[in-house]
Amino acid sequence: MDSNMLFGEKIKKIRKEKNMSFNEFAKFTGFTTSYMVKLIRLLKVSTNSVKN
């Protein structure tokens, strides 16, 4: 897996490989769906600010 891939893209790749919806993946990890969305957005913003 490319180390430059964003966290959200990694999550999407893993859950697609496991044939899981976003909600199923959130439950699988033990987090709520809303927490996962917030985490992905937060890390996407953090990653973008580091690149600039």
N, C-alpha and C. Protein backbone atom coordinates (compact mmCIF):
# COMPACT_ATOMS: atom_id res chain seq x y z
N MET A 1 0.84 -1.18 0.00
CA MET A 1 0.00 0.00 0.00
C MET A 1 0.88 1.24 0.00
N ASP A 2 0.57 2.20 -0.83
CA ASP A 2 1.34 3.43 -0.94
C ASP A 2 1.28 4.22 0.36
N SER A 3 2.43 4.58 0.89
CA SER A 3 2.47 5.30 2.17
C SER A 3 1.90 6.71 2.06
N ASN A 4 1.77 7.24 0.85
CA ASN A 4 1.21 8.57 0.66
C ASN A 4 -0.31 8.55 0.55
N MET A 5 -0.92 7.36 0.56
CA MET A 5 -2.36 7.24 0.46
C MET A 5 -3.00 7.84 1.72
N LEU A 6 -4.04 8.62 1.54
CA LEU A 6 -4.73 9.21 2.68
C LEU A 6 -5.42 8.14 3.51
N PHE A 7 -5.58 8.45 4.78
CA PHE A 7 -6.22 7.53 5.72
C PHE A 7 -7.58 7.08 5.21
N GLY A 8 -8.39 8.01 4.75
CA GLY A 8 -9.72 7.66 4.24
C GLY A 8 -9.67 6.70 3.07
N GLU A 9 -8.68 6.88 2.20
CA GLU A 9 -8.52 5.99 1.05
C GLU A 9 -8.10 4.59 1.52
N LYS A 10 -7.27 4.53 2.55
CA LYS A 10 -6.86 3.24 3.10
C LYS A 10 -8.06 2.52 3.70
N ILE A 11 -8.88 3.26 4.44
CA ILE A 11 -10.09 2.69 5.03
C ILE A 11 -11.00 2.14 3.94
N LYS A 12 -11.20 2.93 2.90
CA LYS A 12 -12.06 2.51 1.79
C LYS A 12 -11.52 1.25 1.13
N LYS A 13 -10.22 1.19 0.90
CA LYS A 13 -9.61 0.03 0.27
C LYS A 13 -9.80 -1.23 1.13
N ILE A 14 -9.56 -1.09 2.42
CA ILE A 14 -9.69 -2.23 3.33
C ILE A 14 -11.13 -2.72 3.39
N ARG A 15 -12.07 -1.78 3.54
CA ARG A 15 -13.46 -2.21 3.67
C ARG A 15 -14.01 -2.78 2.37
N LYS A 16 -13.54 -2.29 1.24
CA LYS A 16 -13.95 -2.87 -0.05
C LYS A 16 -13.41 -4.29 -0.19
N GLU A 17 -12.17 -4.50 0.24
CA GLU A 17 -11.58 -5.84 0.19
C GLU A 17 -12.36 -6.81 1.07
N LYS A 18 -12.91 -6.29 2.18
CA LYS A 18 -13.68 -7.12 3.10
C LYS A 18 -15.17 -7.13 2.74
N ASN A 19 -15.52 -6.41 1.65
CA ASN A 19 -16.90 -6.35 1.18
C ASN A 19 -17.84 -5.78 2.26
N MET A 20 -17.41 -4.72 2.91
CA MET A 20 -18.19 -4.11 4.00
C MET A 20 -18.64 -2.71 3.61
N SER A 21 -19.82 -2.34 4.09
CA SER A 21 -20.27 -0.96 3.94
C SER A 21 -19.50 -0.11 4.96
N PHE A 22 -19.62 1.19 4.84
CA PHE A 22 -18.95 2.07 5.78
C PHE A 22 -19.47 1.82 7.19
N ASN A 23 -20.79 1.67 7.33
CA ASN A 23 -21.39 1.41 8.64
C ASN A 23 -20.91 0.08 9.22
N GLU A 24 -20.84 -0.94 8.41
CA GLU A 24 -20.35 -2.25 8.87
C GLU A 24 -18.90 -2.14 9.33
N PHE A 25 -18.10 -1.41 8.57
CA PHE A 25 -16.69 -1.25 8.93
C PHE A 25 -16.55 -0.50 10.26
N ALA A 26 -17.35 0.54 10.44
CA ALA A 26 -17.31 1.29 11.69
C ALA A 26 -17.64 0.36 12.87
N LYS A 27 -18.68 -0.42 12.74
CA LYS A 27 -19.05 -1.37 13.80
C LYS A 27 -17.94 -2.39 14.02
N PHE A 28 -17.33 -2.84 12.94
CA PHE A 28 -16.23 -3.81 13.01
C PHE A 28 -15.06 -3.25 13.82
N THR A 29 -14.78 -1.95 13.66
CA THR A 29 -13.67 -1.32 14.38
C THR A 29 -14.03 -0.96 15.81
N GLY A 30 -15.32 -0.94 16.11
CA GLY A 30 -15.76 -0.56 17.45
C GLY A 30 -16.06 0.92 17.59
N PHE A 31 -15.95 1.66 16.48
CA PHE A 31 -16.26 3.09 16.49
C PHE A 31 -17.63 3.32 15.88
N THR A 32 -18.22 4.45 16.21
CA THR A 32 -19.49 4.81 15.57
C THR A 32 -19.19 5.34 14.18
N THR A 33 -20.21 5.31 13.34
CA THR A 33 -20.07 5.83 11.98
C THR A 33 -19.70 7.31 12.02
N SER A 34 -20.37 8.07 12.88
CA SER A 34 -20.09 9.51 12.93
C SER A 34 -18.66 9.79 13.39
N TYR A 35 -18.13 8.97 14.31
CA TYR A 35 -16.75 9.16 14.75
C TYR A 35 -15.78 8.87 13.61
N MET A 36 -16.04 7.82 12.86
CA MET A 36 -15.17 7.48 11.73
C MET A 36 -15.15 8.60 10.70
N VAL A 37 -16.32 9.17 10.41
CA VAL A 37 -16.40 10.28 9.45
C VAL A 37 -15.58 11.46 9.95
N LYS A 38 -15.75 11.80 11.22
CA LYS A 38 -15.00 12.92 11.81
C LYS A 38 -13.50 12.65 11.78
N LEU A 39 -13.10 11.44 12.10
CA LEU A 39 -11.70 11.07 12.10
C LEU A 39 -11.09 11.19 10.70
N ILE A 40 -11.79 10.69 9.71
CA ILE A 40 -11.30 10.77 8.33
C ILE A 40 -11.18 12.22 7.88
N ARG A 41 -12.20 13.02 8.20
CA ARG A 41 -12.15 14.45 7.82
C ARG A 41 -11.00 15.16 8.52
N LEU A 42 -10.84 14.88 9.81
CA LEU A 42 -9.77 15.52 10.58
C LEU A 42 -8.40 15.15 10.00
N LEU A 43 -8.19 13.88 9.71
CA LEU A 43 -6.90 13.46 9.18
C LEU A 43 -6.68 13.97 7.77
N LYS A 44 -7.75 14.11 7.00
CA LYS A 44 -7.61 14.65 5.64
C LYS A 44 -7.18 16.10 5.72
N VAL A 45 -7.77 16.86 6.60
CA VAL A 45 -7.40 18.27 6.79
C VAL A 45 -5.97 18.37 7.28
N SER A 46 -5.61 17.55 8.26
CA SER A 46 -4.24 17.55 8.80
C SER A 46 -3.22 17.21 7.73
N THR A 47 -3.52 16.20 6.92
CA THR A 47 -2.61 15.79 5.86
C THR A 47 -2.45 16.88 4.83
N ASN A 48 -3.56 17.52 4.46
CA ASN A 48 -3.49 18.61 3.47
C ASN A 48 -2.68 19.79 4.00
N SER A 49 -2.80 20.11 5.27
CA SER A 49 -2.05 21.25 5.81
C SER A 49 -0.57 20.94 5.91
N VAL A 50 -0.21 19.69 6.09
CA VAL A 50 1.20 19.29 6.14
C VAL A 50 1.81 19.38 4.74
N LYS A 51 1.04 19.03 3.71
CA LYS A 51 1.54 19.07 2.33
C LYS A 51 1.82 20.50 1.89
N ASN A 52 1.02 21.47 2.38
CA ASN A 52 1.15 22.85 1.92
C ASN A 52 2.19 23.55 2.66
